[in-house]
Amino acid sequence: MSRFFLLVVTMFCAQFSFAESLESREVNVALVINEIRDIDISRSHLNAVAEVLMSWDSNNSVAREPGPLNTPKTLSGADLEAFLAAQWTPEFYVTNAEAPRETIVRSASLYDDGRVEYFEKFRATLTVDAGIPSYPFGELDTQLELRAYTHPAAELRFLPESFSLGHESGEESVVKGNWSAVGHRAEAVEAAGLRQGGKMLFSGIVYHTAITHDFLDIAQKIFIPLISLIFISLFINRFCSLRHSEMDNGDWRIGGQLTLLLTVFALRFSVSDEIPLTHYINLLDAVFISSSVIVVINLITSIFIIHLYQSGKDTAGQRAESLSQVALPGLTLVLTLWCLSFLGT
């Protein structure tokens, strides 16, 4: 009888302890992004340095010597490790990091009323969705997502308290390189994990930072060179006539167009790191395709017209040359309108 009573008491205490452990705790989260740098849209990642401050009520007062009211006790090093191992803590990870985050510094502050603040500054390489059809125009949505993994949403909820870029609202200095921040926001989410067949939800916060690429940089590297190549190709087709000197101007037309075509291909590979890799055609892809098409058609047209003159078909050659001088600028206009259509996507 005594054994049965002891078993009942043990089961009741265990059930009470389990119910208490399932009590949902709210953790306020403040995040500051210090740096966003090494943005590589061709490989869809970037490097970020951020500071996170999590605060929650531990329901335990801190035993300490008398002192100023509510002055925190700060833990670091071995004392912090011992505290985190012995107490309930909201463990988290960065879901879109390519590798575990690198902790730069961390500490915990314990208050007399039982409140706990956990601070950590970390560095992480984050994956980004580089899908911008109108690139270099448009915004790139970079994300940093923190998510719990030891306690489900029924036990732990992350609440976004504040989110800023830099400590002094210096958004321009936070984003490094040829990019600028245009906005930021935070949203609380719940996502399923693999526990219990994927039915258990875990709390998290997604921090969005919208950035745009500086157009002047892309214009100097891509747009101005390609527009110059197109105009040179059209000028060669228009002013290097084959009607009276097909042998002399023929070398210019074929050699010039071939040189321009190789220049387009070389430029495309030299700026490959500046272009996002997508499964669809974006604005820069359309510009390179249009440039290649114009130069190739000018080259093929020149070869065909030279063949007509060399075959003694001067009349047909003159007609073909006159037609090319009208049709090729028209084709250039059509391809330009096709490229401009990507600005609306």
C-alpha atoms as a PDB file:
ATOM      1  CA  MET A   1       0.000   0.000   0.000  1.00  0.00           C
ATOM      2  CA  SER A   2       2.819   2.413   0.858  1.00  0.00           C
ATOM      3  CA  ARG A   3       4.532   1.601  -2.442  1.00  0.00           C
ATOM      4  CA  PHE A   4       1.330   2.375  -4.352  1.00  0.00           C
ATOM      5  CA  PHE A   5       0.918   5.693  -2.515  1.00  0.00           C
ATOM      6  CA  LEU A   6       4.547   6.600  -3.243  1.00  0.00           C
ATOM      7  CA  LEU A   7       4.033   5.786  -6.925  1.00  0.00           C
ATOM      8  CA  VAL A   8       0.944   8.008  -7.111  1.00  0.00           C
ATOM      9  CA  VAL A   9       2.753  10.904  -5.455  1.00  0.00           C
ATOM     10  CA  THR A  10       5.732  10.508  -7.804  1.00  0.00           C
ATOM     11  CA  MET A  11       3.498  10.462 -10.885  1.00  0.00           C
ATOM     12  CA  PHE A  12       1.616  13.557  -9.681  1.00  0.00           C
ATOM     13  CA  CYS A  13       4.834  15.493  -9.077  1.00  0.00           C
ATOM     14  CA  ALA A  14       6.225  14.446 -12.430  1.00  0.00           C
ATOM     15  CA  GLN A  15       3.008  15.505 -14.174  1.00  0.00           C
ATOM     16  CA  PHE A  16       3.037  18.852 -12.350  1.00  0.00           C
ATOM     17  CA  SER A  17       6.686  19.405 -13.247  1.00  0.00           C
ATOM     18  CA  PHE A  18       6.013  18.515 -16.899  1.00  0.00           C
ATOM     19  CA  ALA A  19       3.037  20.880 -17.052  1.00  0.00           C
ATOM     20  CA  GLU A  20       5.145  23.646 -15.569  1.00  0.00           C
ATOM     21  CA  SER A  21       7.899  23.013 -18.130  1.00  0.00           C
ATOM     22  CA  LEU A  22       5.327  23.349 -20.940  1.00  0.00           C
ATOM     23  CA  GLU A  23       4.286  26.773 -19.720  1.00  0.00           C
ATOM     24  CA  SER A  24       4.784  29.159 -22.603  1.00  0.00           C
ATOM     25  CA  ARG A  25       7.455  31.779 -22.057  1.00  0.00           C
ATOM     26  CA  GLU A  26       7.700  34.994 -24.000  1.00  0.00           C
ATOM     27  CA  VAL A  27      11.165  36.230 -24.914  1.00  0.00           C
ATOM     28  CA  ASN A  28      11.572  39.791 -26.146  1.00  0.00           C
ATOM     29  CA  VAL A  29      14.201  40.069 -28.865  1.00  0.00           C
ATOM     30  CA  ALA A  30      16.033  43.223 -29.968  1.00  0.00           C
ATOM     31  CA  LEU A  31      18.376  43.054 -32.946  1.00  0.00           C
ATOM     32  CA  VAL A  32      20.910  45.499 -34.384  1.00  0.00           C
ATOM     33  CA  ILE A  33      22.656  44.759 -37.668  1.00  0.00           C
ATOM     34  CA  ASN A  34      26.114  46.312 -37.601  1.00  0.00           C
ATOM     35  CA  GLU A  35      27.346  45.313 -41.062  1.00  0.00           C
ATOM     36  CA  ILE A  36      26.094  43.847 -44.307  1.00  0.00           C
ATOM     37  CA  ARG A  37      29.050  43.278 -46.601  1.00  0.00           C
ATOM     38  CA  ASP A  38      30.526  41.025 -49.317  1.00  0.00           C
ATOM     39  CA  ILE A  39      27.188  40.859 -51.127  1.00  0.00           C
ATOM     40  CA  ASP A  40      27.590  38.260 -53.884  1.00  0.00           C
ATOM     41  CA  ILE A  41      24.358  37.862 -55.825  1.00  0.00           C
ATOM     42  CA  SER A  42      25.930  35.459 -58.300  1.00  0.00           C
ATOM     43  CA  ARG A  43      26.475  32.980 -55.439  1.00  0.00           C
ATOM     44  CA  SER A  44      23.428  34.154 -53.456  1.00  0.00           C
ATOM     45  CA  HIS A  45      25.078  34.952 -50.140  1.00  0.00           C
ATOM     46  CA  LEU A  46      26.400  37.806 -47.993  1.00  0.00           C
ATOM     47  CA  ASN A  47      28.214  38.344 -44.689  1.00  0.00           C
ATOM     48  CA  ALA A  48      26.487  40.020 -41.758  1.00  0.00           C
ATOM     49  CA  VAL A  49      27.498  41.115 -38.254  1.00  0.00           C
ATOM     50  CA  ALA A  50      24.658  41.563 -35.772  1.00  0.00           C
ATOM     51  CA  GLU A  51      23.906  42.022 -32.079  1.00  0.00           C
ATOM     52  CA  VAL A  52      20.960  40.303 -30.397  1.00  0.00           C
ATOM     53  CA  LEU A  53      19.531  41.015 -26.947  1.00  0.00           C
ATOM     54  CA  MET A  54      17.002  38.535 -25.493  1.00  0.00           C
ATOM     55  CA  SER A  55      15.166  39.236 -22.251  1.00  0.00           C
ATOM     56  CA  TRP A  56      12.788  37.036 -20.269  1.00  0.00           C
ATOM     57  CA  ASP A  57      11.504  36.438 -16.738  1.00  0.00           C
ATOM     58  CA  SER A  58      13.220  33.501 -15.057  1.00  0.00           C
ATOM     59  CA  ASN A  59      10.842  33.559 -12.066  1.00  0.00           C
ATOM     60  CA  ASN A  60      13.905  33.333  -9.843  1.00  0.00           C
ATOM     61  CA  SER A  61      15.366  36.243  -7.905  1.00  0.00           C
ATOM     62  CA  VAL A  62      19.111  36.672  -7.827  1.00  0.00           C
ATOM     63  CA  ALA A  63      20.838  36.079  -4.516  1.00  0.00           C
ATOM     64  CA  ARG A  64      23.382  38.854  -4.129  1.00  0.00           C
ATOM     65  CA  GLU A  65      24.787  41.303  -1.671  1.00  0.00           C
ATOM     66  CA  PRO A  66      22.763  44.449  -0.913  1.00  0.00           C
ATOM     67  CA  GLY A  67      23.356  47.142  -3.503  1.00  0.00           C
ATOM     68  CA  PRO A  68      21.532  49.584  -5.776  1.00  0.00           C
ATOM     69  CA  LEU A  69      18.034  48.424  -6.631  1.00  0.00           C
ATOM     70  CA  ASN A  70      17.712  46.370  -9.823  1.00  0.00           C
ATOM     71  CA  THR A  71      21.402  46.647 -10.676  1.00  0.00           C
ATOM     72  CA  PRO A  72      22.187  43.651 -12.904  1.00  0.00           C
ATOM     73  CA  LYS A  73      24.762  41.009 -12.195  1.00  0.00           C
ATOM     74  CA  THR A  74      26.751  40.375 -15.372  1.00  0.00           C
ATOM     75  CA  LEU A  75      28.039  36.918 -16.261  1.00  0.00           C
ATOM     76  CA  SER A  76      30.618  36.012 -18.885  1.00  0.00           C
ATOM     77  CA  GLY A  77      33.170  33.325 -19.592  1.00  0.00           C
ATOM     78  CA  ALA A  78      32.948  30.219 -17.404  1.00  0.00           C
ATOM     79  CA  ASP A  79      30.255  31.752 -15.174  1.00  0.00           C
ATOM     80  CA  LEU A  80      28.063  32.325 -18.216  1.00  0.00           C
ATOM     81  CA  GLU A  81      28.575  28.773 -19.470  1.00  0.00           C
ATOM     82  CA  ALA A  82      27.619  27.368 -16.069  1.00  0.00           C
ATOM     83  CA  PHE A  83      24.515  29.556 -15.921  1.00  0.00           C
ATOM     84  CA  LEU A  84      23.358  28.576 -19.410  1.00  0.00           C
ATOM     85  CA  ALA A  85      23.877  24.890 -18.622  1.00  0.00           C
ATOM     86  CA  ALA A  86      21.911  25.028 -15.361  1.00  0.00           C
ATOM     87  CA  GLN A  87      19.055  27.414 -16.209  1.00  0.00           C
ATOM     88  CA  TRP A  88      16.301  27.567 -18.784  1.00  0.00           C
ATOM     89  CA  THR A  89      17.526  29.521 -21.803  1.00  0.00           C
ATOM     90  CA  PRO A  90      15.973  30.300 -25.212  1.00  0.00           C
ATOM     91  CA  GLU A  91      18.430  28.561 -27.508  1.00  0.00           C
ATOM     92  CA  PHE A  92      18.277  29.603 -31.155  1.00  0.00           C
ATOM     93  CA  TYR A  93      20.038  29.293 -34.496  1.00  0.00           C
ATOM     94  CA  VAL A  94      20.193  31.284 -37.738  1.00  0.00           C
ATOM     95  CA  THR A  95      18.114  29.285 -40.205  1.00  0.00           C
ATOM     96  CA  ASN A  96      19.460  30.845 -43.421  1.00  0.00           C
ATOM     97  CA  ALA A  97      23.139  30.693 -42.405  1.00  0.00           C
ATOM     98  CA  GLU A  98      25.448  28.600 -44.573  1.00  0.00           C
ATOM     99  CA  ALA A  99      27.387  27.503 -41.468  1.00  0.00           C
ATOM    100  CA  PRO A 100      27.020  27.856 -37.688  1.00  0.00           C
ATOM    101  CA  ARG A 101      27.212  31.482 -36.611  1.00  0.00           C
ATOM    102  CA  GLU A 102      30.511  32.715 -35.232  1.00  0.00           C
ATOM    103  CA  THR A 103      30.060  34.225 -31.773  1.00  0.00           C
ATOM    104  CA  ILE A 104      32.214  37.297 -31.240  1.00  0.00           C
ATOM    105  CA  VAL A 105      31.188  38.105 -27.658  1.00  0.00           C
ATOM    106  CA  ARG A 106      28.314  37.216 -25.353  1.00  0.00           C
ATOM    107  CA  SER A 107      27.155  37.829 -21.787  1.00  0.00           C
ATOM    108  CA  ALA A 108      24.131  37.598 -19.509  1.00  0.00           C
ATOM    109  CA  SER A 109      22.702  40.137 -17.060  1.00  0.00           C
ATOM    110  CA  LEU A 110      20.703  38.920 -14.043  1.00  0.00           C
ATOM    111  CA  TYR A 111      18.331  41.360 -12.325  1.00  0.00           C
ATOM    112  CA  ASP A 112      17.012  41.257  -8.768  1.00  0.00           C
ATOM    113  CA  ASP A 113      13.427  40.795  -9.941  1.00  0.00           C
ATOM    114  CA  GLY A 114      14.312  37.610 -11.842  1.00  0.00           C
ATOM    115  CA  ARG A 115      14.608  39.166 -15.271  1.00  0.00           C
ATOM    116  CA  VAL A 116      17.420  37.838 -17.481  1.00  0.00           C
ATOM    117  CA  GLU A 117      19.038  39.519 -20.466  1.00  0.00           C
ATOM    118  CA  TYR A 118      21.210  37.529 -22.840  1.00  0.00           C
ATOM    119  CA  PHE A 119      23.475  39.498 -25.211  1.00  0.00           C
ATOM    120  CA  GLU A 120      25.406  38.097 -28.160  1.00  0.00           C
ATOM    121  CA  LYS A 121      27.301  39.647 -31.041  1.00  0.00           C
ATOM    122  CA  PHE A 122      27.840  37.238 -33.902  1.00  0.00           C
ATOM    123  CA  ARG A 123      28.960  36.942 -37.498  1.00  0.00           C
ATOM    124  CA  ALA A 124      27.227  34.765 -40.112  1.00  0.00           C
ATOM    125  CA  THR A 125      27.227  34.079 -43.834  1.00  0.00           C
ATOM    126  CA  LEU A 126      23.609  34.319 -44.965  1.00  0.00           C
ATOM    127  CA  THR A 127      21.930  32.960 -48.066  1.00  0.00           C
ATOM    128  CA  VAL A 128      19.767  35.365 -50.061  1.00  0.00           C
ATOM    129  CA  ASP A 129      17.186  34.994 -52.796  1.00  0.00           C
ATOM    130  CA  ALA A 130      18.828  36.916 -55.636  1.00  0.00           C
ATOM    131  CA  GLY A 131      15.739  36.867 -57.822  1.00  0.00           C
ATOM    132  CA  ILE A 132      15.497  40.428 -59.208  1.00  0.00           C
ATOM    133  CA  PRO A 133      14.104  40.353 -62.784  1.00  0.00           C
ATOM    134  CA  SER A 134      14.811  44.079 -63.229  1.00  0.00           C
ATOM    135  CA  TYR A 135      18.348  43.976 -61.763  1.00  0.00           C
ATOM    136  CA  PRO A 136      20.233  46.337 -61.323  1.00  0.00           C
ATOM    137  CA  PHE A 137      16.934  48.112 -60.690  1.00  0.00           C
ATOM    138  CA  GLY A 138      14.611  46.895 -57.957  1.00  0.00           C
ATOM    139  CA  GLU A 139      15.140  45.810 -54.367  1.00  0.00           C
ATOM    140  CA  LEU A 140      16.902  42.787 -52.937  1.00  0.00           C
ATOM    141  CA  ASP A 141      15.233  41.401 -49.807  1.00  0.00           C
ATOM    142  CA  THR A 142      17.967  40.143 -47.486  1.00  0.00           C
ATOM    143  CA  GLN A 143      16.870  38.139 -44.467  1.00  0.00           C
ATOM    144  CA  LEU A 144      18.272  37.090 -41.124  1.00  0.00           C
ATOM    145  CA  GLU A 145      16.027  34.550 -39.394  1.00  0.00           C
ATOM    146  CA  LEU A 146      16.399  33.476 -35.764  1.00  0.00           C
ATOM    147  CA  ARG A 147      14.500  30.361 -34.723  1.00  0.00           C
ATOM    148  CA  ALA A 148      14.218  28.257 -31.582  1.00  0.00           C
ATOM    149  CA  TYR A 149      15.064  24.576 -31.821  1.00  0.00           C
ATOM    150  CA  THR A 150      14.990  23.109 -28.279  1.00  0.00           C
ATOM    151  CA  HIS A 151      11.592  24.449 -27.187  1.00  0.00           C
ATOM    152  CA  PRO A 152       8.505  24.401 -29.435  1.00  0.00           C
ATOM    153  CA  ALA A 153       6.182  27.370 -29.808  1.00  0.00           C
ATOM    154  CA  ALA A 154       3.961  26.014 -27.022  1.00  0.00           C
ATOM    155  CA  GLU A 155       6.857  26.507 -24.608  1.00  0.00           C
ATOM    156  CA  LEU A 156       8.755  29.451 -26.136  1.00  0.00           C
ATOM    157  CA  ARG A 157       7.647  32.437 -28.175  1.00  0.00           C
ATOM    158  CA  PHE A 158      10.004  35.019 -29.648  1.00  0.00           C
ATOM    159  CA  LEU A 159       8.565  38.541 -29.712  1.00  0.00           C
ATOM    160  CA  PRO A 160      10.293  41.196 -31.862  1.00  0.00           C
ATOM    161  CA  GLU A 161      10.936  44.185 -29.607  1.00  0.00           C
ATOM    162  CA  SER A 162      13.122  46.377 -31.847  1.00  0.00           C
ATOM    163  CA  PHE A 163      15.159  46.182 -35.028  1.00  0.00           C
ATOM    164  CA  SER A 164      17.596  48.748 -36.379  1.00  0.00           C
ATOM    165  CA  LEU A 165      20.464  49.103 -38.823  1.00  0.00           C
ATOM    166  CA  GLY A 166      23.348  50.421 -36.757  1.00  0.00           C
ATOM    167  CA  HIS A 167      23.173  52.066 -33.362  1.00  0.00           C
ATOM    168  CA  GLU A 168      22.801  55.632 -34.624  1.00  0.00           C
ATOM    169  CA  SER A 169      20.375  55.125 -37.525  1.00  0.00           C
ATOM    170  CA  GLY A 170      23.295  55.247 -39.947  1.00  0.00           C
ATOM    171  CA  GLU A 171      21.764  52.890 -42.509  1.00  0.00           C
ATOM    172  CA  GLU A 172      24.100  53.981 -45.312  1.00  0.00           C
ATOM    173  CA  SER A 173      27.183  52.999 -43.307  1.00  0.00           C
ATOM    174  CA  VAL A 174      25.823  49.574 -42.380  1.00  0.00           C
ATOM    175  CA  VAL A 175      25.596  48.252 -45.942  1.00  0.00           C
ATOM    176  CA  LYS A 176      29.056  48.072 -47.468  1.00  0.00           C
ATOM    177  CA  GLY A 177      29.966  48.174 -51.145  1.00  0.00           C
ATOM    178  CA  ASN A 178      27.858  49.409 -54.053  1.00  0.00           C
ATOM    179  CA  TRP A 179      24.574  48.855 -52.215  1.00  0.00           C
ATOM    180  CA  SER A 180      22.258  51.036 -50.145  1.00  0.00           C
ATOM    181  CA  ALA A 181      19.585  50.168 -47.566  1.00  0.00           C
ATOM    182  CA  VAL A 182      16.092  51.419 -48.354  1.00  0.00           C
ATOM    183  CA  GLY A 183      14.084  49.847 -45.532  1.00  0.00           C
ATOM    184  CA  HIS A 184      13.889  47.180 -42.856  1.00  0.00           C
ATOM    185  CA  ARG A 185      11.248  45.340 -40.837  1.00  0.00           C
ATOM    186  CA  ALA A 186      10.791  42.348 -38.526  1.00  0.00           C
ATOM    187  CA  GLU A 187       8.056  39.725 -38.361  1.00  0.00           C
ATOM    188  CA  ALA A 188       7.358  36.890 -35.948  1.00  0.00           C
ATOM    189  CA  VAL A 189       6.849  33.488 -37.562  1.00  0.00           C
ATOM    190  CA  GLU A 190       6.191  29.909 -36.591  1.00  0.00           C
ATOM    191  CA  ALA A 191       7.642  27.120 -38.714  1.00  0.00           C
ATOM    192  CA  ALA A 192       7.400  23.345 -38.490  1.00  0.00           C
ATOM    193  CA  GLY A 193      10.365  21.214 -37.524  1.00  0.00           C
ATOM    194  CA  LEU A 194      11.047  17.495 -37.866  1.00  0.00           C
ATOM    195  CA  ARG A 195      10.007  16.612 -34.327  1.00  0.00           C
ATOM    196  CA  GLN A 196       6.794  14.563 -33.942  1.00  0.00           C
ATOM    197  CA  GLY A 197       6.464  13.957 -37.636  1.00  0.00           C
ATOM    198  CA  GLY A 198       6.900  17.601 -38.587  1.00  0.00           C
ATOM    199  CA  LYS A 199       3.777  18.704 -36.718  1.00  0.00           C
ATOM    200  CA  MET A 200       5.557  20.649 -33.974  1.00  0.00           C
ATOM    201  CA  LEU A 201       5.945  24.389 -34.580  1.00  0.00           C
ATOM    202  CA  PHE A 202       8.912  26.477 -33.462  1.00  0.00           C
ATOM    203  CA  SER A 203       8.904  30.217 -32.902  1.00  0.00           C
ATOM    204  CA  GLY A 204      11.171  32.527 -34.859  1.00  0.00           C
ATOM    205  CA  ILE A 205      11.706  36.070 -36.110  1.00  0.00           C
ATOM    206  CA  VAL A 206      12.584  37.067 -39.673  1.00  0.00           C
ATOM    207  CA  TYR A 207      14.466  40.349 -40.057  1.00  0.00           C
ATOM    208  CA  HIS A 208      14.113  41.830 -43.547  1.00  0.00           C
ATOM    209  CA  THR A 209      16.511  44.435 -44.945  1.00  0.00           C
ATOM    210  CA  ALA A 210      15.734  45.817 -48.394  1.00  0.00           C
ATOM    211  CA  ILE A 211      18.784  46.985 -50.340  1.00  0.00           C
ATOM    212  CA  THR A 212      19.297  48.381 -53.834  1.00  0.00           C
ATOM    213  CA  HIS A 213      22.332  48.346 -56.108  1.00  0.00           C
ATOM    214  CA  ASP A 214      23.913  51.654 -57.063  1.00  0.00           C
ATOM    215  CA  PHE A 215      23.056  52.176 -60.732  1.00  0.00           C
ATOM    216  CA  LEU A 216      26.150  54.242 -61.543  1.00  0.00           C
ATOM    217  CA  ASP A 217      28.421  51.264 -60.849  1.00  0.00           C
ATOM    218  CA  ILE A 218      26.521  48.961 -63.225  1.00  0.00           C
ATOM    219  CA  ALA A 219      26.239  51.719 -65.817  1.00  0.00           C
ATOM    220  CA  GLN A 220      30.017  52.153 -65.921  1.00  0.00           C
ATOM    221  CA  LYS A 221      30.734  48.423 -66.040  1.00  0.00           C
ATOM    222  CA  ILE A 222      27.977  47.135 -68.325  1.00  0.00           C
ATOM    223  CA  PHE A 223      25.477  49.563 -69.849  1.00  0.00           C
ATOM    224  CA  ILE A 224      27.846  52.186 -71.252  1.00  0.00           C
ATOM    225  CA  PRO A 225      30.245  49.608 -72.813  1.00  0.00           C
ATOM    226  CA  LEU A 226      27.401  47.624 -74.394  1.00  0.00           C
ATOM    227  CA  ILE A 227      25.609  50.687 -75.750  1.00  0.00           C
ATOM    228  CA  SER A 228      28.914  51.845 -77.254  1.00  0.00           C
ATOM    229  CA  LEU A 229      29.431  48.447 -78.900  1.00  0.00           C
ATOM    230  CA  ILE A 230      25.938  48.506 -80.412  1.00  0.00           C
ATOM    231  CA  PHE A 231      26.407  51.994 -81.841  1.00  0.00           C
ATOM    232  CA  ILE A 232      29.818  51.075 -83.300  1.00  0.00           C
ATOM    233  CA  SER A 233      28.318  47.967 -84.895  1.00  0.00           C
ATOM    234  CA  LEU A 234      25.510  49.983 -86.468  1.00  0.00           C
ATOM    235  CA  PHE A 235      27.906  52.701 -87.660  1.00  0.00           C
ATOM    236  CA  ILE A 236      30.129  50.102 -89.336  1.00  0.00           C
ATOM    237  CA  ASN A 237      27.088  48.649 -91.069  1.00  0.00           C
ATOM    238  CA  ARG A 238      25.901  52.080 -92.187  1.00  0.00           C
ATOM    239  CA  PHE A 239      29.058  53.921 -93.254  1.00  0.00           C
ATOM    240  CA  CYS A 240      31.436  51.151 -94.376  1.00  0.00           C
ATOM    241  CA  SER A 241      29.594  50.638 -97.664  1.00  0.00           C
ATOM    242  CA  LEU A 242      30.466  47.736 -99.942  1.00  0.00           C
ATOM    243  CA  ARG A 243      29.018  49.200-103.134  1.00  0.00           C
ATOM    244  CA  HIS A 244      32.222  50.590-104.604  1.00  0.00           C
ATOM    245  CA  SER A 245      34.974  49.090-102.441  1.00  0.00           C
ATOM    246  CA  GLU A 246      33.814  45.724-101.243  1.00  0.00           C
ATOM    247  CA  MET A 247      37.375  44.435-100.845  1.00  0.00           C
ATOM    248  CA  ASP A 248      38.627  47.315 -98.689  1.00  0.00           C
ATOM    249  CA  ASN A 249      35.550  47.863 -96.552  1.00  0.00           C
ATOM    250  CA  GLY A 250      34.826  44.136 -96.447  1.00  0.00           C
ATOM    251  CA  ASP A 251      37.775  43.571 -94.142  1.00  0.00           C
ATOM    252  CA  TRP A 252      36.556  46.376 -91.885  1.00  0.00           C
ATOM    253  CA  ARG A 253      33.005  45.048 -91.729  1.00  0.00           C
ATOM    254  CA  ILE A 254      33.860  41.434 -91.035  1.00  0.00           C
ATOM    255  CA  GLY A 255      36.868  42.104 -88.814  1.00  0.00           C
ATOM    256  CA  GLY A 256      35.154  44.933 -86.947  1.00  0.00           C
ATOM    257  CA  GLN A 257      31.940  43.006 -86.251  1.00  0.00           C
ATOM    258  CA  LEU A 258      33.882  39.908 -85.227  1.00  0.00           C
ATOM    259  CA  THR A 259      35.973  41.972 -82.804  1.00  0.00           C
ATOM    260  CA  LEU A 260      32.827  43.517 -81.308  1.00  0.00           C
ATOM    261  CA  LEU A 261      31.239  40.089 -80.890  1.00  0.00           C
ATOM    262  CA  LEU A 262      34.256  38.739 -79.010  1.00  0.00           C
ATOM    263  CA  THR A 263      34.239  41.886 -76.868  1.00  0.00           C
ATOM    264  CA  VAL A 264      30.601  41.268 -75.867  1.00  0.00           C
ATOM    265  CA  PHE A 265      31.416  37.680 -74.846  1.00  0.00           C
ATOM    266  CA  ALA A 266      34.507  38.791 -72.900  1.00  0.00           C
ATOM    267  CA  LEU A 267      32.544  41.506 -71.095  1.00  0.00           C
ATOM    268  CA  ARG A 268      29.836  39.004 -70.141  1.00  0.00           C
ATOM    269  CA  PHE A 269      32.322  36.681 -68.471  1.00  0.00           C
ATOM    270  CA  SER A 270      34.283  39.492 -66.811  1.00  0.00           C
ATOM    271  CA  VAL A 271      31.191  40.795 -64.977  1.00  0.00           C
ATOM    272  CA  SER A 272      29.680  37.396 -64.184  1.00  0.00           C
ATOM    273  CA  ASP A 273      30.036  38.090 -60.448  1.00  0.00           C
ATOM    274  CA  GLU A 274      27.830  41.176 -60.859  1.00  0.00           C
ATOM    275  CA  ILE A 275      24.904  39.278 -62.394  1.00  0.00           C
ATOM    276  CA  PRO A 276      22.492  37.084 -60.369  1.00  0.00           C
ATOM    277  CA  LEU A 277      22.146  33.479 -61.486  1.00  0.00           C
ATOM    278  CA  THR A 278      18.445  32.813 -62.077  1.00  0.00           C
ATOM    279  CA  HIS A 279      16.369  30.252 -63.946  1.00  0.00           C
ATOM    280  CA  TYR A 280      14.759  33.050 -65.960  1.00  0.00           C
ATOM    281  CA  ILE A 281      15.993  35.945 -68.097  1.00  0.00           C
ATOM    282  CA  ASN A 282      16.545  39.185 -66.194  1.00  0.00           C
ATOM    283  CA  LEU A 283      17.277  42.675 -67.483  1.00  0.00           C
ATOM    284  CA  LEU A 284      21.052  42.250 -67.762  1.00  0.00           C
ATOM    285  CA  ASP A 285      20.634  38.911 -69.521  1.00  0.00           C
ATOM    286  CA  ALA A 286      18.314  40.595 -72.022  1.00  0.00           C
ATOM    287  CA  VAL A 287      20.831  43.401 -72.622  1.00  0.00           C
ATOM    288  CA  PHE A 288      23.654  40.944 -73.323  1.00  0.00           C
ATOM    289  CA  ILE A 289      21.437  38.794 -75.545  1.00  0.00           C
ATOM    290  CA  SER A 290      20.292  41.843 -77.521  1.00  0.00           C
ATOM    291  CA  SER A 291      23.863  43.083 -77.963  1.00  0.00           C
ATOM    292  CA  SER A 292      25.024  39.689 -79.185  1.00  0.00           C
ATOM    293  CA  VAL A 293      22.096  39.342 -81.604  1.00  0.00           C
ATOM    294  CA  ILE A 294      22.697  42.778 -83.137  1.00  0.00           C
ATOM    295  CA  VAL A 295      26.409  42.199 -83.681  1.00  0.00           C
ATOM    296  CA  VAL A 296      25.913  38.639 -85.003  1.00  0.00           C
ATOM    297  CA  ILE A 297      23.244  39.735 -87.512  1.00  0.00           C
ATOM    298  CA  ASN A 298      25.438  42.638 -88.640  1.00  0.00           C
ATOM    299  CA  LEU A 299      28.320  40.177 -89.127  1.00  0.00           C
ATOM    300  CA  ILE A 300      26.232  37.635 -91.048  1.00  0.00           C
ATOM    301  CA  THR A 301      24.659  40.374 -93.173  1.00  0.00           C
ATOM    302  CA  SER A 302      28.096  41.745 -94.079  1.00  0.00           C
ATOM    303  CA  ILE A 303      29.340  38.294 -95.110  1.00  0.00           C
ATOM    304  CA  PHE A 304      26.239  37.716 -97.245  1.00  0.00           C
ATOM    305  CA  ILE A 305      26.483  41.113 -98.982  1.00  0.00           C
ATOM    306  CA  ILE A 306      30.186  40.585 -99.743  1.00  0.00           C
ATOM    307  CA  HIS A 307      29.301  37.215-101.233  1.00  0.00           C
ATOM    308  CA  LEU A 308      26.727  38.853-103.525  1.00  0.00           C
ATOM    309  CA  TYR A 309      29.224  41.432-104.783  1.00  0.00           C
ATOM    310  CA  GLN A 310      31.951  38.856-105.299  1.00  0.00           C
ATOM    311  CA  SER A 311      29.506  36.687-107.251  1.00  0.00           C
ATOM    312  CA  GLY A 312      28.839  39.540-109.656  1.00  0.00           C
ATOM    313  CA  LYS A 313      25.321  40.174-108.368  1.00  0.00           C
ATOM    314  CA  ASP A 314      25.831  43.893-107.817  1.00  0.00           C
ATOM    315  CA  THR A 315      22.147  44.805-108.016  1.00  0.00           C
ATOM    316  CA  ALA A 316      21.158  42.193-105.433  1.00  0.00           C
ATOM    317  CA  GLY A 317      24.060  43.285-103.265  1.00  0.00           C
ATOM    318  CA  GLN A 318      22.990  46.922-103.366  1.00  0.00           C
ATOM    319  CA  ARG A 319      19.408  45.997-102.477  1.00  0.00           C
ATOM    320  CA  ALA A 320      20.533  43.794 -99.610  1.00  0.00           C
ATOM    321  CA  GLU A 321      22.824  46.529 -98.299  1.00  0.00           C
ATOM    322  CA  SER A 322      20.090  49.177 -98.504  1.00  0.00           C
ATOM    323  CA  LEU A 323      17.663  46.855 -96.749  1.00  0.00           C
ATOM    324  CA  SER A 324      20.155  46.080 -93.969  1.00  0.00           C
ATOM    325  CA  GLN A 325      20.724  49.783 -93.313  1.00  0.00           C
ATOM    326  CA  VAL A 326      17.022  50.129 -92.497  1.00  0.00           C
ATOM    327  CA  ALA A 327      16.155  46.737 -91.004  1.00  0.00           C
ATOM    328  CA  LEU A 328      19.043  46.472 -88.524  1.00  0.00           C
ATOM    329  CA  PRO A 329      18.326  49.802 -86.760  1.00  0.00           C
ATOM    330  CA  GLY A 330      14.681  48.704 -86.617  1.00  0.00           C
ATOM    331  CA  LEU A 331      15.722  45.407 -85.029  1.00  0.00           C
ATOM    332  CA  THR A 332      17.815  47.360 -82.516  1.00  0.00           C
ATOM    333  CA  LEU A 333      14.760  49.419 -81.572  1.00  0.00           C
ATOM    334  CA  VAL A 334      12.636  46.281 -81.093  1.00  0.00           C
ATOM    335  CA  LEU A 335      15.261  44.656 -78.872  1.00  0.00           C
ATOM    336  CA  THR A 336      15.609  47.891 -76.875  1.00  0.00           C
ATOM    337  CA  LEU A 337      11.858  47.881 -76.188  1.00  0.00           C
ATOM    338  CA  TRP A 338      12.127  44.222 -75.151  1.00  0.00           C
ATOM    339  CA  CYS A 339      14.839  45.107 -72.641  1.00  0.00           C
ATOM    340  CA  LEU A 340      12.816  48.026 -71.269  1.00  0.00           C
ATOM    341  CA  SER A 341       9.873  45.681 -70.655  1.00  0.00           C
ATOM    342  CA  PHE A 342      11.852  44.082 -67.815  1.00  0.00           C
ATOM    343  CA  LEU A 343      11.680  47.331 -65.830  1.00  0.00           C
ATOM    344  CA  GLY A 344       8.012  46.660 -65.102  1.00  0.00           C
ATOM    345  CA  THR A 345       8.621  43.233 -63.570  1.00  0.00           C
END
